[in-house]
Amino acid sequence: MEVKEKVIQILTDVTANEYKKIFHDGMPANAKLQLLTSESMLALIFIASIEDEFGIEFEDDEVDMTFFNSIDGVAEKIQKYL
């Protein structure tokens, strides 16, 4: 599975269940990612899940509001560590 596909799967898993009213199934991945910033605990879970999945740790200054702009951008940041 490609990095981008894994990121989308992690995002889908994090925003599932009790958050389905906010992050509905038809919502594009980039829209979910951008909306994630309004749910700070979910944003932290998303980042921790990515770090666990890929065995990496982002620098603090890498995870700002621009981190959540696009799935491609997240995948690029991950690729730097692989």
PDB file of N, CA and C in Angstrom:
ATOM      1  N   MET A   1       0.847  -1.185   0.000  1.00  0.00           N
ATOM      2  CA  MET A   1       0.000   0.000   0.000  1.00  0.00           C
ATOM      3  C   MET A   1       0.891   1.247   0.000  1.00  0.00           C
ATOM      4  N   GLU A   2       0.556   2.194  -0.840  1.00  0.00           N
ATOM      5  CA  GLU A   2       1.316   3.447  -0.919  1.00  0.00           C
ATOM      6  C   GLU A   2       1.131   4.288   0.334  1.00  0.00           C
ATOM      7  N   VAL A   3       2.063   5.193   0.559  1.00  0.00           N
ATOM      8  CA  VAL A   3       2.000   6.096   1.713  1.00  0.00           C
ATOM      9  C   VAL A   3       0.688   6.869   1.697  1.00  0.00           C
ATOM     10  N   LYS A   4       0.333   7.436   0.557  1.00  0.00           N
ATOM     11  CA  LYS A   4      -0.889   8.245   0.459  1.00  0.00           C
ATOM     12  C   LYS A   4      -2.116   7.410   0.815  1.00  0.00           C
ATOM     13  N   GLU A   5      -2.176   6.177   0.339  1.00  0.00           N
ATOM     14  CA  GLU A   5      -3.315   5.307   0.641  1.00  0.00           C
ATOM     15  C   GLU A   5      -3.385   4.986   2.129  1.00  0.00           C
ATOM     16  N   LYS A   6      -2.223   4.782   2.757  1.00  0.00           N
ATOM     17  CA  LYS A   6      -2.196   4.521   4.197  1.00  0.00           C
ATOM     18  C   LYS A   6      -2.674   5.740   4.973  1.00  0.00           C
ATOM     19  N   VAL A   7      -2.259   6.931   4.548  1.00  0.00           N
ATOM     20  CA  VAL A   7      -2.681   8.165   5.218  1.00  0.00           C
ATOM     21  C   VAL A   7      -4.204   8.302   5.129  1.00  0.00           C
ATOM     22  N   ILE A   8      -4.764   8.047   3.970  1.00  0.00           N
ATOM     23  CA  ILE A   8      -6.217   8.128   3.798  1.00  0.00           C
ATOM     24  C   ILE A   8      -6.917   7.099   4.685  1.00  0.00           C
ATOM     25  N   GLN A   9      -6.372   5.890   4.783  1.00  0.00           N
ATOM     26  CA  GLN A   9      -6.972   4.861   5.632  1.00  0.00           C
ATOM     27  C   GLN A   9      -6.917   5.260   7.101  1.00  0.00           C
ATOM     28  N   ILE A  10      -5.793   5.804   7.539  1.00  0.00           N
ATOM     29  CA  ILE A  10      -5.675   6.267   8.928  1.00  0.00           C
ATOM     30  C   ILE A  10      -6.688   7.376   9.188  1.00  0.00           C
ATOM     31  N   LEU A  11      -6.806   8.321   8.272  1.00  0.00           N
ATOM     32  CA  LEU A  11      -7.769   9.407   8.409  1.00  0.00           C
ATOM     33  C   LEU A  11      -9.186   8.861   8.497  1.00  0.00           C
ATOM     34  N   THR A  12      -9.511   7.900   7.664  1.00  0.00           N
ATOM     35  CA  THR A  12     -10.839   7.278   7.680  1.00  0.00           C
ATOM     36  C   THR A  12     -11.089   6.589   9.014  1.00  0.00           C
ATOM     37  N   ASP A  13     -10.101   5.874   9.523  1.00  0.00           N
ATOM     38  CA  ASP A  13     -10.254   5.180  10.803  1.00  0.00           C
ATOM     39  C   ASP A  13     -10.441   6.157  11.953  1.00  0.00           C
ATOM     40  N   VAL A  14      -9.658   7.226  11.960  1.00  0.00           N
ATOM     41  CA  VAL A  14      -9.717   8.208  13.048  1.00  0.00           C
ATOM     42  C   VAL A  14     -11.050   8.950  13.058  1.00  0.00           C
ATOM     43  N   THR A  15     -11.611   9.196  11.893  1.00  0.00           N
ATOM     44  CA  THR A  15     -12.849   9.991  11.806  1.00  0.00           C
ATOM     45  C   THR A  15     -14.102   9.129  11.738  1.00  0.00           C
ATOM     46  N   ALA A  16     -13.981   7.850  11.999  1.00  0.00           N
ATOM     47  CA  ALA A  16     -15.130   6.936  11.930  1.00  0.00           C
ATOM     48  C   ALA A  16     -15.966   6.990  13.215  1.00  0.00           C
ATOM     49  N   ASN A  17     -17.008   6.216  13.201  1.00  0.00           N
ATOM     50  CA  ASN A  17     -17.907   5.980  14.336  1.00  0.00           C
ATOM     51  C   ASN A  17     -18.596   7.232  14.855  1.00  0.00           C
ATOM     52  N   GLU A  18     -18.233   7.676  16.071  1.00  0.00           N
ATOM     53  CA  GLU A  18     -18.969   8.775  16.691  1.00  0.00           C
ATOM     54  C   GLU A  18     -18.768  10.113  15.983  1.00  0.00           C
ATOM     55  N   TYR A  19     -17.842  10.192  15.063  1.00  0.00           N
ATOM     56  CA  TYR A  19     -17.594  11.430  14.342  1.00  0.00           C
ATOM     57  C   TYR A  19     -18.192  11.430  12.934  1.00  0.00           C
ATOM     58  N   LYS A  20     -18.995  10.427  12.615  1.00  0.00           N
ATOM     59  CA  LYS A  20     -19.571  10.315  11.269  1.00  0.00           C
ATOM     60  C   LYS A  20     -20.475  11.491  10.910  1.00  0.00           C
ATOM     61  N   LYS A  21     -21.087  12.130  11.892  1.00  0.00           N
ATOM     62  CA  LYS A  21     -21.945  13.292  11.602  1.00  0.00           C
ATOM     63  C   LYS A  21     -21.113  14.469  11.101  1.00  0.00           C
ATOM     64  N   ILE A  22     -19.891  14.565  11.558  1.00  0.00           N
ATOM     65  CA  ILE A  22     -19.002  15.652  11.136  1.00  0.00           C
ATOM     66  C   ILE A  22     -18.246  15.249   9.871  1.00  0.00           C
ATOM     67  N   PHE A  23     -17.691  14.041   9.891  1.00  0.00           N
ATOM     68  CA  PHE A  23     -16.864  13.540   8.791  1.00  0.00           C
ATOM     69  C   PHE A  23     -17.629  12.446   8.054  1.00  0.00           C
ATOM     70  N   HIS A  24     -18.584  12.820   7.252  1.00  0.00           N
ATOM     71  CA  HIS A  24     -19.433  11.831   6.578  1.00  0.00           C
ATOM     72  C   HIS A  24     -18.683  11.100   5.469  1.00  0.00           C
ATOM     73  N   ASP A  25     -19.214   9.951   5.075  1.00  0.00           N
ATOM     74  CA  ASP A  25     -18.541   9.070   4.119  1.00  0.00           C
ATOM     75  C   ASP A  25     -18.267   9.711   2.763  1.00  0.00           C
ATOM     76  N   GLY A  26     -19.147  10.564   2.283  1.00  0.00           N
ATOM     77  CA  GLY A  26     -18.968  11.171   0.967  1.00  0.00           C
ATOM     78  C   GLY A  26     -17.975  12.319   0.931  1.00  0.00           C
ATOM     79  N   MET A  27     -17.464  12.705   2.084  1.00  0.00           N
ATOM     80  CA  MET A  27     -16.550  13.843   2.166  1.00  0.00           C
ATOM     81  C   MET A  27     -15.182  13.468   1.589  1.00  0.00           C
ATOM     82  N   PRO A  28     -14.631  14.293   0.698  1.00  0.00           N
ATOM     83  CA  PRO A  28     -13.291  14.017   0.159  1.00  0.00           C
ATOM     84  C   PRO A  28     -12.235  14.011   1.263  1.00  0.00           C
ATOM     85  N   ALA A  29     -11.191  13.220   1.071  1.00  0.00           N
ATOM     86  CA  ALA A  29     -10.139  13.074   2.084  1.00  0.00           C
ATOM     87  C   ALA A  29      -9.500  14.412   2.453  1.00  0.00           C
ATOM     88  N   ASN A  30      -9.246  15.270   1.473  1.00  0.00           N
ATOM     89  CA  ASN A  30      -8.635  16.567   1.786  1.00  0.00           C
ATOM     90  C   ASN A  30      -9.556  17.425   2.645  1.00  0.00           C
ATOM     91  N   ALA A  31     -10.858  17.357   2.406  1.00  0.00           N
ATOM     92  CA  ALA A  31     -11.814  18.114   3.217  1.00  0.00           C
ATOM     93  C   ALA A  31     -11.831  17.579   4.647  1.00  0.00           C
ATOM     94  N   LYS A  32     -11.788  16.251   4.800  1.00  0.00           N
ATOM     95  CA  LYS A  32     -11.725  15.663   6.141  1.00  0.00           C
ATOM     96  C   LYS A  32     -10.461  16.119   6.858  1.00  0.00           C
ATOM     97  N   LEU A  33      -9.348  16.081   6.148  1.00  0.00           N
ATOM     98  CA  LEU A  33      -8.070  16.476   6.730  1.00  0.00           C
ATOM     99  C   LEU A  33      -8.110  17.925   7.212  1.00  0.00           C
ATOM    100  N   GLN A  34      -8.643  18.815   6.406  1.00  0.00           N
ATOM    101  CA  GLN A  34      -8.710  20.227   6.764  1.00  0.00           C
ATOM    102  C   GLN A  34      -9.673  20.464   7.923  1.00  0.00           C
ATOM    103  N   LEU A  35     -10.785  19.718   7.961  1.00  0.00           N
ATOM    104  CA  LEU A  35     -11.746  19.854   9.048  1.00  0.00           C
ATOM    105  C   LEU A  35     -11.201  19.277  10.351  1.00  0.00           C
ATOM    106  N   LEU A  36     -10.257  18.387  10.244  1.00  0.00           N
ATOM    107  CA  LEU A  36      -9.674  17.750  11.413  1.00  0.00           C
ATOM    108  C   LEU A  36      -9.096  18.777  12.383  1.00  0.00           C
ATOM    109  N   THR A  37      -8.654  19.912  11.888  1.00  0.00           N
ATOM    110  CA  THR A  37      -8.073  20.938  12.769  1.00  0.00           C
ATOM    111  C   THR A  37      -9.107  21.504  13.740  1.00  0.00           C
ATOM    112  N   SER A  38     -10.391  21.361  13.441  1.00  0.00           N
ATOM    113  CA  SER A  38     -11.421  21.844  14.362  1.00  0.00           C
ATOM    114  C   SER A  38     -11.663  20.865  15.507  1.00  0.00           C
ATOM    115  N   GLU A  39     -11.117  19.690  15.401  1.00  0.00           N
ATOM    116  CA  GLU A  39     -11.238  18.661  16.442  1.00  0.00           C
ATOM    117  C   GLU A  39      -9.823  18.312  16.918  1.00  0.00           C
ATOM    118  N   SER A  40      -9.298  19.094  17.854  1.00  0.00           N
ATOM    119  CA  SER A  40      -7.881  18.987  18.219  1.00  0.00           C
ATOM    120  C   SER A  40      -7.481  17.602  18.721  1.00  0.00           C
ATOM    121  N   MET A  41      -8.324  16.934  19.487  1.00  0.00           N
ATOM    122  CA  MET A  41      -7.967  15.609  19.983  1.00  0.00           C
ATOM    123  C   MET A  41      -7.848  14.629  18.819  1.00  0.00           C
ATOM    124  N   LEU A  42      -8.750  14.723  17.863  1.00  0.00           N
ATOM    125  CA  LEU A  42      -8.670  13.856  16.686  1.00  0.00           C
ATOM    126  C   LEU A  42      -7.415  14.149  15.874  1.00  0.00           C
ATOM    127  N   ALA A  43      -7.049  15.411  15.780  1.00  0.00           N
ATOM    128  CA  ALA A  43      -5.840  15.784  15.048  1.00  0.00           C
ATOM    129  C   ALA A  43      -4.618  15.138  15.697  1.00  0.00           C
ATOM    130  N   LEU A  44      -4.563  15.141  17.020  1.00  0.00           N
ATOM    131  CA  LEU A  44      -3.445  14.513  17.727  1.00  0.00           C
ATOM    132  C   LEU A  44      -3.441  13.001  17.526  1.00  0.00           C
ATOM    133  N   ILE A  45      -4.625  12.399  17.558  1.00  0.00           N
ATOM    134  CA  ILE A  45      -4.733  10.957  17.329  1.00  0.00           C
ATOM    135  C   ILE A  45      -4.280  10.619  15.917  1.00  0.00           C
ATOM    136  N   PHE A  46      -4.664  11.439  14.946  1.00  0.00           N
ATOM    137  CA  PHE A  46      -4.267  11.240  13.554  1.00  0.00           C
ATOM    138  C   PHE A  46      -2.742  11.281  13.417  1.00  0.00           C
ATOM    139  N   ILE A  47      -2.121  12.286  14.001  1.00  0.00           N
ATOM    140  CA  ILE A  47      -0.660  12.426  13.923  1.00  0.00           C
ATOM    141  C   ILE A  47       0.031  11.248  14.612  1.00  0.00           C
ATOM    142  N   ALA A  48      -0.440  10.884  15.807  1.00  0.00           N
ATOM    143  CA  ALA A  48       0.163   9.757  16.531  1.00  0.00           C
ATOM    144  C   ALA A  48      -0.016   8.451  15.761  1.00  0.00           C
ATOM    145  N   SER A  49      -1.157   8.282  15.125  1.00  0.00           N
ATOM    146  CA  SER A  49      -1.408   7.071  14.333  1.00  0.00           C
ATOM    147  C   SER A  49      -0.459   6.982  13.143  1.00  0.00           C
ATOM    148  N   ILE A  50      -0.229   8.112  12.502  1.00  0.00           N
ATOM    149  CA  ILE A  50       0.722   8.139  11.380  1.00  0.00           C
ATOM    150  C   ILE A  50       2.123   7.795  11.881  1.00  0.00           C
ATOM    151  N   GLU A  51       2.526   8.421  12.977  1.00  0.00           N
ATOM    152  CA  GLU A  51       3.861   8.159  13.513  1.00  0.00           C
ATOM    153  C   GLU A  51       4.027   6.681  13.878  1.00  0.00           C
ATOM    154  N   ASP A  52       3.001   6.090  14.473  1.00  0.00           N
ATOM    155  CA  ASP A  52       3.052   4.672  14.830  1.00  0.00           C
ATOM    156  C   ASP A  52       3.101   3.782  13.589  1.00  0.00           C
ATOM    157  N   GLU A  53       2.247   4.074  12.623  1.00  0.00           N
ATOM    158  CA  GLU A  53       2.166   3.259  11.405  1.00  0.00           C
ATOM    159  C   GLU A  53       3.489   3.224  10.648  1.00  0.00           C
ATOM    160  N   PHE A  54       4.152   4.372  10.565  1.00  0.00           N
ATOM    161  CA  PHE A  54       5.363   4.467   9.763  1.00  0.00           C
ATOM    162  C   PHE A  54       6.654   4.427  10.594  1.00  0.00           C
ATOM    163  N   GLY A  55       6.527   4.355  11.918  1.00  0.00           N
ATOM    164  CA  GLY A  55       7.708   4.310  12.771  1.00  0.00           C
ATOM    165  C   GLY A  55       8.540   5.572  12.686  1.00  0.00           C
ATOM    166  N   ILE A  56       7.871   6.714  12.649  1.00  0.00           N
ATOM    167  CA  ILE A  56       8.556   8.004  12.524  1.00  0.00           C
ATOM    168  C   ILE A  56       8.106   8.917  13.654  1.00  0.00           C
ATOM    169  N   GLU A  57       8.764  10.060  13.773  1.00  0.00           N
ATOM    170  CA  GLU A  57       8.339  11.100  14.710  1.00  0.00           C
ATOM    171  C   GLU A  57       8.573  12.448  14.047  1.00  0.00           C
ATOM    172  N   PHE A  58       7.485  13.169  13.827  1.00  0.00           N
ATOM    173  CA  PHE A  58       7.581  14.481  13.201  1.00  0.00           C
ATOM    174  C   PHE A  58       8.239  15.473  14.142  1.00  0.00           C
ATOM    175  N   GLU A  59       8.968  16.418  13.596  1.00  0.00           N
ATOM    176  CA  GLU A  59       9.480  17.546  14.364  1.00  0.00           C
ATOM    177  C   GLU A  59       8.283  18.427  14.730  1.00  0.00           C
ATOM    178  N   ASP A  60       8.322  19.048  15.894  1.00  0.00           N
ATOM    179  CA  ASP A  60       7.200  19.869  16.347  1.00  0.00           C
ATOM    180  C   ASP A  60       6.837  20.966  15.351  1.00  0.00           C
ATOM    181  N   ASP A  61       7.844  21.583  14.740  1.00  0.00           N
ATOM    182  CA  ASP A  61       7.560  22.696  13.828  1.00  0.00           C
ATOM    183  C   ASP A  61       6.990  22.231  12.486  1.00  0.00           C
ATOM    184  N   GLU A  62       6.991  20.936  12.229  1.00  0.00           N
ATOM    185  CA  GLU A  62       6.402  20.414  10.990  1.00  0.00           C
ATOM    186  C   GLU A  62       4.884  20.287  11.076  1.00  0.00           C
ATOM    187  N   VAL A  63       4.384  20.166  12.288  1.00  0.00           N
ATOM    188  CA  VAL A  63       2.952  19.933  12.473  1.00  0.00           C
ATOM    189  C   VAL A  63       2.292  21.249  12.883  1.00  0.00           C
ATOM    190  N   ASP A  64       1.964  22.031  11.873  1.00  0.00           N
ATOM    191  CA  ASP A  64       1.241  23.276  12.087  1.00  0.00           C
ATOM    192  C   ASP A  64      -0.031  23.225  11.232  1.00  0.00           C
ATOM    193  N   MET A  65      -0.702  24.333  11.083  1.00  0.00           N
ATOM    194  CA  MET A  65      -1.959  24.348  10.314  1.00  0.00           C
ATOM    195  C   MET A  65      -1.734  23.920   8.865  1.00  0.00           C
ATOM    196  N   THR A  66      -0.580  24.215   8.298  1.00  0.00           N
ATOM    197  CA  THR A  66      -0.331  23.842   6.906  1.00  0.00           C
ATOM    198  C   THR A  66      -0.174  22.331   6.742  1.00  0.00           C
ATOM    199  N   PHE A  67       0.144  21.636   7.821  1.00  0.00           N
ATOM    200  CA  PHE A  67       0.258  20.176   7.787  1.00  0.00           C
ATOM    201  C   PHE A  67      -1.044  19.550   7.307  1.00  0.00           C
ATOM    202  N   PHE A  68      -2.151  20.179   7.631  1.00  0.00           N
ATOM    203  CA  PHE A  68      -3.476  19.643   7.335  1.00  0.00           C
ATOM    204  C   PHE A  68      -4.068  20.163   6.026  1.00  0.00           C
ATOM    205  N   ASN A  69      -3.253  20.740   5.156  1.00  0.00           N
ATOM    206  CA  ASN A  69      -3.752  21.287   3.887  1.00  0.00           C
ATOM    207  C   ASN A  69      -4.137  20.229   2.875  1.00  0.00           C
ATOM    208  N   SER A  70      -3.346  19.146   2.786  1.00  0.00           N
ATOM    209  CA  SER A  70      -3.655  18.124   1.781  1.00  0.00           C
ATOM    210  C   SER A  70      -3.043  16.779   2.146  1.00  0.00           C
ATOM    211  N   ILE A  71      -3.679  15.733   1.661  1.00  0.00           N
ATOM    212  CA  ILE A  71      -3.171  14.381   1.851  1.00  0.00           C
ATOM    213  C   ILE A  71      -1.798  14.247   1.182  1.00  0.00           C
ATOM    214  N   ASP A  72      -1.650  14.823  -0.002  1.00  0.00           N
ATOM    215  CA  ASP A  72      -0.366  14.759  -0.698  1.00  0.00           C
ATOM    216  C   ASP A  72       0.745  15.387   0.138  1.00  0.00           C
ATOM    217  N   GLY A  73       0.450  16.502   0.790  1.00  0.00           N
ATOM    218  CA  GLY A  73       1.442  17.169   1.631  1.00  0.00           C
ATOM    219  C   GLY A  73       1.850  16.310   2.819  1.00  0.00           C
ATOM    220  N   VAL A  74       0.876  15.633   3.437  1.00  0.00           N
ATOM    221  CA  VAL A  74       1.177  14.733   4.555  1.00  0.00           C
ATOM    222  C   VAL A  74       2.052  13.584   4.059  1.00  0.00           C
ATOM    223  N   ALA A  75       1.678  13.013   2.917  1.00  0.00           N
ATOM    224  CA  ALA A  75       2.449  11.899   2.350  1.00  0.00           C
ATOM    225  C   ALA A  75       3.885  12.334   2.049  1.00  0.00           C
ATOM    226  N   GLU A  76       4.075  13.547   1.548  1.00  0.00           N
ATOM    227  CA  GLU A  76       5.419  14.054   1.262  1.00  0.00           C
ATOM    228  C   GLU A  76       6.243  14.178   2.545  1.00  0.00           C
ATOM    229  N   LYS A  77       5.612  14.669   3.610  1.00  0.00           N
ATOM    230  CA  LYS A  77       6.334  14.796   4.882  1.00  0.00           C
ATOM    231  C   LYS A  77       6.752  13.417   5.396  1.00  0.00           C
ATOM    232  N   ILE A  78       5.879  12.438   5.245  1.00  0.00           N
ATOM    233  CA  ILE A  78       6.200  11.076   5.674  1.00  0.00           C
ATOM    234  C   ILE A  78       7.357  10.532   4.862  1.00  0.00           C
ATOM    235  N   GLN A  79       7.319  10.753   3.549  1.00  0.00           N
ATOM    236  CA  GLN A  79       8.361  10.241   2.665  1.00  0.00           C
ATOM    237  C   GLN A  79       9.750  10.725   3.067  1.00  0.00           C
ATOM    238  N   LYS A  80       9.841  11.924   3.630  1.00  0.00           N
ATOM    239  CA  LYS A  80      11.133  12.454   4.073  1.00  0.00           C
ATOM    240  C   LYS A  80      11.777  11.583   5.145  1.00  0.00           C
ATOM    241  N   TYR A  81      10.952  10.860   5.890  1.00  0.00           N
ATOM    242  CA  TYR A  81      11.451  10.032   6.982  1.00  0.00           C
ATOM    243  C   TYR A  81      11.698   8.581   6.589  1.00  0.00           C
ATOM    244  N   LEU A  82      11.206   8.188   5.430  1.00  0.00           N
ATOM    245  CA  LEU A  82      11.330   6.779   5.023  1.00  0.00           C
ATOM    246  C   LEU A  82      12.565   6.529   4.212  1.00  0.00           C
TER     247      LEU A  82
END
